[in-house]
Amino acid sequence: MTPLQSATLLCGLLVAQTVSAQAPAVVGEATLVIGQAQVVHASGQANPVVRGSAIQVGDIIQTDTGGHVHLRFVDGGRVSVRPLSRLQVENYAHSVQQPQLSAIKFTLEEGVVRSITGSWGEAARERFRLNTPLAAIGVKGTDFVVRANADSTAATVFAGAISVAPLQGACVNTLGPCASGTEKLLSEDMRGQMIELARLQATPRLVPAVDLMVASLPQALPPAAPGKAQAPADSTVLVAAGDKPLFSEVRIASVVSALGGAEASVAAAPTLGWARFAWAQKLSGDDFSQQFEAAMLKGNERLGGNGAYTLLRQATEGQATAFAPSSGKAQFQLASAAGNVIRNDGSTFEPVQLNGATLSVDFTQASFATRLQVTGPQLGQDTVQAAGSISSTGVFQAHSGNSALQGGLSGNGREAGYAFQKGVPGGVLSGVTLWGR
């Protein structure tokens, strides 16, 4: 009997008898592991994930840079956990005799996952839920991708349909799709779109799914570490099958060919730079952003963005940049900036001017503080301010202020950039900045 068959039998007995087990139920296994990943059990014990590792209710699967894990559950459901992600299996149970005991629930704390519903999820769609820090996602028998962090959630569908609603109020402690009146539905016939919910948005919105397309591209297998066995020969096929690319080779070639000239030569770009998705409205004053698709094809790493713009940092030979600035404090000067007020109708853009800009960084304390004065014809005068910490990789993590902020520093700590968003009367103030010293 295989480990998965054993898991199926054990889980079936537990559900049928509706007995509270002393140990969490085994509900699946890891079928593919690339790079480094860990599973943190409900007891707090952490172990490396390897092919064949059992997955229990309560487990948290977290992947490192370059880490990628495929999970197969007892009902045939599959989940692909992408690099730098953290996914918890909160519940996975099904009962034909007592449907009210059925419950499938995941929480994606950060990162990207792809989920393909199994037979239990198909049979009890009203009891399937994937939560993120901001959104509640219910399914209607589906294959979908979700990207999440503390400031935004985005999801797109390959098959079936999903419902996305803000995770608040009565929606917090329920299962299945939320009927909150603010939910958005996305189905497979709406290909090329995703549902996006940002921290300052009251309702999700439909936007083109450019970013999630890139997130779904398969990754090349890393070379085996000394003394380690190489991944199975069919691993590349498994990755492609679990996360099929939405850019064909012809599409990629056409992007590079169409861009040509300076835009295609991403290697010559500054250490930090902004990339704008093709569908996005240009911010007022933007004469410095790159074309997103070409920039990502050249191996840049992303430091954060606002959904339309992404801050890119040059990677060295495809590897993440080592962040090793000197100690002490530094004052940065604003080099480039662009911003708009996007009115609530989604089609009106008010240009704004950014001035009175300050950005101070304390490398010894790994902290930052910034402030912008913003002026617009209808907006009048407003202020953007935020302060917080800097991660070990140079990423800004805002903890206080009046705005959402995403960005970070160059590897040598001499350049910086961030996107900001702030709710204002009748709309959202949004912009991007680049700094130097």
Protein backbone atom coordinates (compact mmCIF):
# COMPACT_ATOMS: atom_id res chain seq x y z
CA MET A 1 0.00 0.00 0.00
CA THR A 2 1.41 3.38 -1.01
CA PRO A 3 1.74 6.28 1.47
CA LEU A 4 -1.11 8.09 -0.29
CA GLN A 5 -3.41 5.03 -0.12
CA SER A 6 -2.62 4.72 3.56
CA ALA A 7 -3.41 8.39 4.04
CA THR A 8 -6.73 7.98 2.20
CA LEU A 9 -7.76 5.05 4.38
CA LEU A 10 -6.77 6.82 7.60
CA CYS A 11 -8.53 10.05 6.68
CA GLY A 12 -11.68 8.20 5.57
CA LEU A 13 -11.89 6.35 8.88
CA LEU A 14 -11.41 9.53 10.85
CA VAL A 15 -14.15 11.38 8.99
CA ALA A 16 -16.63 8.49 8.90
CA GLN A 17 -16.34 7.93 12.62
CA THR A 18 -16.22 11.71 13.34
CA VAL A 19 -13.77 11.00 16.12
CA SER A 20 -11.37 13.66 17.37
CA ALA A 21 -7.92 12.19 16.74
CA GLN A 22 -5.00 12.69 19.03
CA ALA A 23 -2.76 13.41 16.03
CA PRO A 24 -3.72 15.56 13.02
CA ALA A 25 -5.09 13.63 10.07
CA VAL A 26 -2.76 12.84 7.15
CA VAL A 27 -4.49 14.29 4.09
CA GLY A 28 -1.85 14.34 1.36
CA GLU A 29 1.77 14.10 0.33
CA ALA A 30 4.46 16.08 -1.47
CA THR A 31 4.88 14.72 -4.99
CA LEU A 32 7.55 17.15 -6.23
CA VAL A 33 10.08 19.30 -4.38
CA ILE A 34 12.49 21.71 -6.06
CA GLY A 35 14.90 23.76 -3.96
CA GLN A 36 14.36 24.30 -0.25
CA ALA A 37 11.03 24.05 1.56
CA GLN A 38 9.87 23.30 5.10
CA VAL A 39 6.73 21.98 6.71
CA VAL A 40 5.83 23.40 10.12
CA HIS A 41 3.49 21.07 12.02
CA ALA A 42 0.77 22.15 14.41
CA SER A 43 3.10 21.12 17.26
CA GLY A 44 5.61 23.72 16.11
CA GLN A 45 8.12 21.16 14.87
CA ALA A 46 9.63 22.02 11.46
CA ASN A 47 11.06 19.56 8.94
CA PRO A 48 12.41 19.82 5.40
CA VAL A 49 9.89 18.84 2.73
CA VAL A 50 11.04 15.96 0.53
CA ARG A 51 9.25 13.94 -2.10
CA GLY A 52 6.80 11.66 -0.30
CA SER A 53 6.51 13.82 2.85
CA ALA A 54 3.10 13.36 4.49
CA ILE A 55 0.94 16.47 4.81
CA GLN A 56 -1.31 16.77 7.87
CA VAL A 57 -4.17 19.06 8.82
CA GLY A 58 -2.63 22.11 10.48
CA ASP A 59 0.64 21.92 8.54
CA ILE A 60 2.21 25.08 7.10
CA ILE A 61 4.24 24.63 3.92
CA GLN A 62 6.77 27.39 3.34
CA THR A 63 9.17 27.68 0.43
CA ASP A 64 12.48 29.52 0.20
CA THR A 65 13.86 31.47 -2.77
CA GLY A 66 13.71 29.04 -5.70
CA GLY A 67 11.68 26.54 -3.65
CA HIS A 68 8.67 24.86 -5.26
CA VAL A 69 6.42 22.10 -3.86
CA HIS A 70 3.60 20.10 -5.46
CA LEU A 71 1.04 18.59 -3.07
CA ARG A 72 -1.44 15.80 -3.91
CA PHE A 73 -4.36 15.31 -1.54
CA VAL A 74 -6.35 12.18 -0.71
CA ASP A 75 -9.25 13.16 -3.01
CA GLY A 76 -7.01 13.88 -6.00
CA GLY A 77 -6.80 17.63 -5.33
CA ARG A 78 -3.49 19.26 -6.22
CA VAL A 79 -1.78 22.39 -5.00
CA SER A 80 1.42 23.93 -6.34
CA VAL A 81 3.26 26.14 -3.83
CA ARG A 82 5.57 28.61 -5.57
CA PRO A 83 8.81 30.18 -4.25
CA LEU A 84 8.72 32.44 -1.18
CA SER A 85 5.23 31.27 -0.23
CA ARG A 86 3.57 30.20 3.01
CA LEU A 87 0.42 28.04 2.86
CA GLN A 88 -1.47 26.45 5.76
CA VAL A 89 -3.77 23.42 5.43
CA GLU A 90 -6.35 24.38 8.05
CA ASN A 91 -8.87 21.62 7.28
CA TYR A 92 -9.39 18.82 4.76
CA ALA A 93 -12.35 16.54 5.47
CA HIS A 94 -15.41 15.13 3.70
CA SER A 95 -18.47 13.13 4.77
CA VAL A 96 -21.18 11.85 2.43
CA GLN A 97 -23.50 10.97 5.32
CA GLN A 98 -22.99 14.29 7.13
CA PRO A 99 -22.12 16.99 4.54
CA GLN A 100 -22.04 19.63 7.25
CA LEU A 101 -18.83 18.00 8.49
CA SER A 102 -17.12 18.51 5.14
CA ALA A 103 -14.57 21.31 5.16
CA ILE A 104 -11.61 22.19 2.95
CA LYS A 105 -9.80 25.32 4.03
CA PHE A 106 -6.43 26.80 3.14
CA THR A 107 -4.78 30.03 4.22
CA LEU A 108 -2.20 31.60 1.92
CA GLU A 109 -0.29 33.99 4.17
CA GLU A 110 1.99 35.16 1.35
CA GLY A 111 3.27 34.07 -2.04
CA VAL A 112 1.67 32.26 -4.97
CA VAL A 113 -0.22 28.98 -5.16
CA ARG A 114 -2.14 27.13 -7.83
CA SER A 115 -5.03 24.89 -6.75
CA ILE A 116 -6.85 22.19 -8.71
CA THR A 117 -9.94 20.99 -6.87
CA GLY A 118 -10.29 17.29 -6.06
CA SER A 119 -13.40 15.14 -5.70
CA TRP A 120 -14.16 16.33 -2.16
CA GLY A 121 -14.01 19.96 -3.22
CA GLU A 122 -16.23 19.20 -6.21
CA ALA A 123 -18.80 17.46 -4.01
CA ALA A 124 -18.89 20.19 -1.35
CA ARG A 125 -18.10 23.42 -3.18
CA GLU A 126 -20.02 25.43 -0.61
CA ARG A 127 -17.52 24.20 2.02
CA PHE A 128 -14.25 25.05 0.19
CA ARG A 129 -12.35 28.20 1.12
CA LEU A 130 -8.92 29.74 0.50
CA ASN A 131 -8.23 32.79 2.65
CA THR A 132 -5.49 35.39 2.25
CA PRO A 133 -4.71 38.27 4.62
CA LEU A 134 -7.27 40.39 2.71
CA ALA A 135 -9.62 38.13 0.75
CA ALA A 136 -11.89 35.11 1.00
CA ILE A 137 -11.92 32.91 -2.11
CA GLY A 138 -14.64 30.35 -2.73
CA VAL A 139 -14.66 27.97 -5.67
CA LYS A 140 -17.14 26.33 -7.99
CA GLY A 141 -15.01 23.37 -9.04
CA THR A 142 -11.94 24.96 -10.47
CA ASP A 143 -8.28 25.41 -11.35
CA PHE A 144 -7.02 28.79 -10.19
CA VAL A 145 -3.92 30.78 -9.17
CA VAL A 146 -3.69 33.17 -6.21
CA ARG A 147 -0.97 35.64 -5.26
CA ALA A 148 -1.14 37.26 -1.82
CA ASN A 149 0.69 39.46 0.63
CA ALA A 150 -0.30 41.80 3.44
CA ASP A 151 -1.27 44.58 1.02
CA SER A 152 -2.96 42.85 -1.93
CA THR A 153 -4.55 39.69 -3.28
CA ALA A 154 -4.91 38.72 -6.94
CA ALA A 155 -6.45 35.59 -8.45
CA THR A 156 -7.10 34.23 -11.92
CA VAL A 157 -8.90 31.13 -13.26
CA PHE A 158 -7.90 28.45 -15.76
CA ALA A 159 -11.05 26.29 -15.36
CA GLY A 160 -14.32 26.68 -13.47
CA ALA A 161 -14.98 29.83 -11.46
CA ILE A 162 -14.08 31.55 -8.20
CA SER A 163 -15.70 34.15 -5.96
CA VAL A 164 -13.51 36.76 -4.24
CA ALA A 165 -14.70 38.95 -1.37
CA PRO A 166 -13.02 41.04 1.35
CA LEU A 167 -12.17 38.90 4.39
CA GLN A 168 -14.15 40.81 6.97
CA GLY A 169 -17.31 40.67 9.06
CA ALA A 170 -19.36 37.49 8.86
CA CYS A 171 -17.12 36.21 6.09
CA VAL A 172 -14.22 35.59 8.49
CA ASN A 173 -15.58 32.49 10.21
CA THR A 174 -17.46 30.86 7.33
CA LEU A 175 -16.64 28.44 4.52
CA GLY A 176 -17.38 28.61 0.82
CA PRO A 177 -18.08 31.74 -1.23
CA CYS A 178 -18.96 34.86 0.76
CA ALA A 179 -22.31 36.49 0.03
CA SER A 180 -21.29 39.90 1.34
CA GLY A 181 -22.61 42.00 -1.52
CA THR A 182 -19.06 43.08 -2.39
CA GLU A 183 -17.87 39.79 -3.92
CA LYS A 184 -16.64 39.49 -7.51
CA LEU A 185 -17.03 36.40 -9.71
CA LEU A 186 -14.38 35.28 -12.20
CA SER A 187 -14.96 32.35 -14.57
CA GLU A 188 -12.87 30.53 -17.15
CA ASP A 189 -14.61 32.33 -20.03
CA MET A 190 -13.08 35.59 -18.71
CA ARG A 191 -9.54 34.50 -19.63
CA GLY A 192 -6.81 37.08 -19.45
CA GLN A 193 -8.33 38.79 -16.41
CA MET A 194 -7.78 38.52 -12.70
CA ILE A 195 -9.58 39.74 -9.61
CA GLU A 196 -7.50 42.10 -7.51
CA LEU A 197 -8.14 43.42 -4.00
CA ALA A 198 -5.78 45.96 -2.41
CA ARG A 199 -5.70 46.90 1.25
CA LEU A 200 -7.33 50.29 0.63
CA GLN A 201 -10.04 48.97 -1.70
CA ALA A 202 -13.55 48.31 -0.40
CA THR A 203 -14.41 45.87 -3.22
CA PRO A 204 -12.38 43.64 -5.55
CA ARG A 205 -11.94 44.72 -9.17
CA LEU A 206 -11.28 43.02 -12.50
CA VAL A 207 -7.97 43.86 -14.19
CA PRO A 208 -5.84 42.15 -16.88
CA ALA A 209 -3.93 39.18 -15.47
CA VAL A 210 -0.47 40.15 -16.69
CA ASP A 211 1.29 39.72 -13.35
CA LEU A 212 -0.22 36.32 -12.59
CA MET A 213 0.71 35.09 -16.05
CA VAL A 214 4.35 35.68 -15.21
CA ALA A 215 3.88 34.11 -11.78
CA SER A 216 2.66 30.92 -13.49
CA LEU A 217 5.71 30.47 -15.73
CA PRO A 218 7.53 27.19 -14.96
CA GLN A 219 10.95 27.47 -13.37
CA ALA A 220 14.08 25.70 -14.50
CA LEU A 221 15.40 23.02 -12.19
CA PRO A 222 18.36 24.17 -10.09
CA PRO A 223 21.51 22.04 -10.22
CA ALA A 224 21.80 19.38 -7.56
CA ALA A 225 23.82 20.33 -4.50
CA PRO A 226 27.03 18.36 -3.88
CA GLY A 227 26.16 14.98 -2.46
CA LYS A 228 22.48 15.36 -3.35
CA ALA A 229 20.62 13.27 -5.90
CA GLN A 230 19.44 15.11 -9.00
CA ALA A 231 15.68 15.66 -9.23
CA PRO A 232 13.77 13.01 -11.22
CA ALA A 233 14.15 13.29 -14.97
CA ASP A 234 10.44 14.00 -15.40
CA SER A 235 10.38 16.88 -12.89
CA THR A 236 10.47 19.53 -15.59
CA VAL A 237 7.41 17.97 -17.18
CA LEU A 238 5.64 17.92 -13.83
CA VAL A 239 6.35 21.60 -13.25
CA ALA A 240 5.06 22.50 -16.69
CA ALA A 241 1.95 20.40 -16.19
CA GLY A 242 1.22 21.87 -12.76
CA ASP A 243 1.96 25.47 -13.75
CA LYS A 244 1.49 25.61 -17.52
CA PRO A 245 3.01 28.75 -19.05
CA LEU A 246 0.63 31.38 -20.35
CA PHE A 247 3.36 32.92 -22.53
CA SER A 248 4.28 30.68 -25.47
CA GLU A 249 7.81 30.73 -26.91
CA VAL A 250 6.39 32.54 -29.95
CA ARG A 251 4.82 35.16 -27.65
CA ILE A 252 8.10 35.69 -25.77
CA ALA A 253 10.06 36.04 -29.01
CA SER A 254 7.54 38.52 -30.38
CA VAL A 255 7.78 40.67 -27.22
CA VAL A 256 11.56 40.93 -27.44
CA SER A 257 11.46 41.54 -31.19
CA ALA A 258 8.75 44.20 -30.95
CA LEU A 259 10.53 46.14 -28.24
CA GLY A 260 13.97 46.33 -29.85
CA GLY A 261 16.53 49.03 -29.16
CA ALA A 262 17.09 50.44 -25.71
CA GLU A 263 13.95 48.95 -24.11
CA ALA A 264 15.02 45.41 -24.98
CA SER A 265 18.45 45.99 -23.46
CA VAL A 266 17.36 45.65 -19.85
CA ALA A 267 20.91 44.85 -18.77
CA ALA A 268 21.83 48.48 -19.45
CA ALA A 269 19.06 49.82 -17.18
CA PRO A 270 19.86 51.32 -13.74
CA THR A 271 20.17 49.02 -10.75
CA LEU A 272 16.61 49.90 -9.73
CA GLY A 273 13.82 50.76 -12.12
CA TRP A 274 10.07 50.66 -12.54
CA ALA A 275 8.30 48.36 -14.99
CA ARG A 276 4.76 49.10 -16.14
CA PHE A 277 2.31 46.45 -17.32
CA ALA A 278 1.06 46.96 -20.87
CA TRP A 279 -2.57 47.39 -19.82
CA ALA A 280 -1.89 50.00 -17.13
CA GLN A 281 -2.61 53.72 -17.47
CA LYS A 282 0.64 55.69 -17.31
CA LEU A 283 1.03 57.82 -14.21
CA SER A 284 1.41 61.55 -14.72
CA GLY A 285 5.10 62.39 -15.01
CA ASP A 286 6.21 58.86 -15.90
CA ASP A 287 9.01 59.07 -18.46
CA PHE A 288 11.22 56.48 -16.77
CA SER A 289 9.37 53.13 -16.57
CA GLN A 290 10.34 50.04 -18.58
CA GLN A 291 8.19 47.51 -20.41
CA PHE A 292 7.35 44.76 -17.92
CA GLU A 293 7.50 41.63 -20.07
CA ALA A 294 10.97 42.33 -21.46
CA ALA A 295 12.33 43.32 -18.04
CA MET A 296 11.19 40.04 -16.46
CA LEU A 297 12.62 37.99 -19.31
CA LYS A 298 16.04 39.39 -18.40
CA GLY A 299 15.92 37.95 -14.89
CA ASN A 300 15.20 41.04 -12.79
CA GLU A 301 13.87 40.45 -9.31
CA ARG A 302 10.77 42.25 -8.01
CA LEU A 303 10.75 44.30 -4.81
CA GLY A 304 7.05 45.22 -4.75
CA GLY A 305 4.57 47.42 -6.55
CA ASN A 306 1.01 48.68 -6.79
CA GLY A 307 -0.49 46.18 -9.23
CA ALA A 308 0.18 48.33 -12.31
CA TYR A 309 3.86 49.10 -11.65
CA THR A 310 6.55 46.82 -10.24
CA LEU A 311 9.93 47.88 -8.83
CA LEU A 312 12.72 45.80 -10.37
CA ARG A 313 16.26 45.20 -9.14
CA GLN A 314 18.90 43.73 -11.39
CA ALA A 315 19.79 40.17 -10.51
CA THR A 316 23.28 38.75 -10.96
CA GLU A 317 23.30 35.71 -13.24
CA GLY A 318 19.71 34.99 -12.28
CA GLN A 319 20.45 34.99 -8.55
CA ALA A 320 18.88 37.31 -5.99
CA THR A 321 20.97 40.39 -5.25
CA ALA A 322 23.04 40.28 -2.08
CA PHE A 323 21.98 43.20 0.11
CA ALA A 324 24.98 44.45 2.07
CA PRO A 325 24.91 48.23 2.62
CA SER A 326 27.22 49.96 5.05
CA SER A 327 26.08 50.86 8.55
CA GLY A 328 25.09 54.36 9.57
CA LYS A 329 22.39 56.71 8.31
CA ALA A 330 21.68 58.24 4.90
CA GLN A 331 19.43 60.90 3.41
CA PHE A 332 18.11 60.15 -0.09
CA GLN A 333 17.17 62.66 -2.77
CA LEU A 334 14.10 62.19 -4.96
CA ALA A 335 15.31 61.39 -8.51
CA SER A 336 12.06 60.55 -10.33
CA ALA A 337 8.39 60.42 -9.39
CA ALA A 338 4.98 60.01 -10.99
CA GLY A 339 1.47 59.96 -9.56
CA ASN A 340 -2.28 60.24 -10.16
CA VAL A 341 -5.50 60.31 -8.25
CA ILE A 342 -7.69 57.54 -9.65
CA ARG A 343 -11.31 58.48 -9.10
CA ASN A 344 -13.80 55.86 -7.91
CA ASP A 345 -15.31 55.46 -11.37
CA GLY A 346 -11.99 53.95 -12.46
CA SER A 347 -11.79 56.00 -15.64
CA THR A 348 -10.83 59.47 -14.37
CA PHE A 349 -7.18 60.22 -13.65
CA GLU A 350 -6.14 63.47 -11.97
CA PRO A 351 -2.43 64.34 -12.36
CA VAL A 352 -0.57 65.35 -9.22
CA GLN A 353 2.78 66.91 -8.42
CA LEU A 354 5.15 65.48 -5.82
CA ASN A 355 7.50 67.75 -3.89
CA GLY A 356 8.85 68.32 -0.38
CA ALA A 357 10.22 64.78 -0.55
CA THR A 358 12.32 63.15 2.17
CA LEU A 359 13.59 59.61 2.65
CA SER A 360 15.89 58.77 5.55
CA VAL A 361 17.39 55.33 6.10
CA ASP A 362 19.10 54.04 9.22
CA PHE A 363 21.12 51.02 8.07
CA THR A 364 22.30 50.20 11.58
CA GLN A 365 18.72 49.93 12.86
CA ALA A 366 17.38 48.61 9.51
CA SER A 367 14.64 51.25 9.42
CA PHE A 368 13.34 53.98 7.13
CA ALA A 369 11.02 57.00 7.18
CA THR A 370 9.64 58.95 4.22
CA ARG A 371 7.34 61.87 3.49
CA LEU A 372 5.93 63.43 0.30
CA GLN A 373 3.94 66.59 -0.28
CA VAL A 374 1.33 66.01 -3.00
CA THR A 375 -0.63 68.68 -4.89
CA GLY A 376 -3.45 68.27 -7.43
CA PRO A 377 -6.10 70.48 -9.07
CA GLN A 378 -9.01 68.76 -7.29
CA LEU A 379 -7.03 67.06 -4.55
CA GLY A 380 -5.52 70.28 -3.25
CA GLN A 381 -2.67 69.52 -0.86
CA ASP A 382 -2.07 66.19 0.83
CA THR A 383 0.76 64.30 2.50
CA VAL A 384 2.07 60.77 2.07
CA GLN A 385 4.08 59.42 4.98
CA ALA A 386 5.28 56.02 6.12
CA ALA A 387 7.93 54.48 8.34
CA GLY A 388 9.02 50.96 9.04
CA SER A 389 11.75 48.35 8.88
CA ILE A 390 14.04 47.02 6.15
CA SER A 391 14.28 43.27 5.63
CA SER A 392 17.55 41.37 5.23
CA THR A 393 17.04 41.51 1.45
CA GLY A 394 16.52 45.29 1.37
CA VAL A 395 12.71 45.30 1.13
CA PHE A 396 10.73 48.07 2.84
CA GLN A 397 8.12 46.90 5.37
CA ALA A 398 5.93 49.82 6.45
CA HIS A 399 4.58 49.66 10.02
CA SER A 400 3.16 53.14 10.48
CA GLY A 401 1.97 56.14 8.49
CA ASN A 402 -1.07 57.07 6.42
CA SER A 403 -0.27 55.15 3.21
CA ALA A 404 0.40 51.66 1.89
CA LEU A 405 3.98 51.41 0.66
CA GLN A 406 5.91 48.74 -1.29
CA GLY A 407 9.52 48.95 -2.42
CA GLY A 408 13.11 48.65 -1.30
CA LEU A 409 16.81 49.37 -1.80
CA SER A 410 19.49 48.48 -4.32
CA GLY A 411 22.08 45.90 -3.32
CA ASN A 412 24.65 48.54 -2.36
CA GLY A 413 22.08 50.65 -0.51
CA ARG A 414 22.64 53.72 -2.70
CA GLU A 415 19.34 53.63 -4.61
CA ALA A 416 15.76 53.26 -3.40
CA GLY A 417 12.28 53.16 -4.80
CA TYR A 418 8.75 52.64 -3.62
CA ALA A 419 5.13 52.74 -4.72
CA PHE A 420 2.53 54.39 -2.51
CA GLN A 421 -1.24 54.27 -2.27
CA LYS A 422 -3.55 56.32 -0.08
CA GLY A 423 -7.32 56.69 0.05
CA VAL A 424 -8.48 60.26 -0.59
CA PRO A 425 -12.00 61.71 -0.93
CA GLY A 426 -13.55 60.26 -4.09
CA GLY A 427 -10.64 58.04 -5.07
CA VAL A 428 -7.14 56.64 -4.47
CA LEU A 429 -3.84 58.53 -4.64
CA SER A 430 -1.24 56.33 -6.26
CA GLY A 431 2.36 56.89 -7.37
CA VAL A 432 5.90 55.57 -7.77
CA THR A 433 9.26 57.06 -6.81
CA LEU A 434 13.00 56.56 -7.39
CA TRP A 435 15.66 57.91 -5.03
CA GLY A 436 19.45 58.23 -4.95
CA ARG A 437 22.34 59.53 -2.83
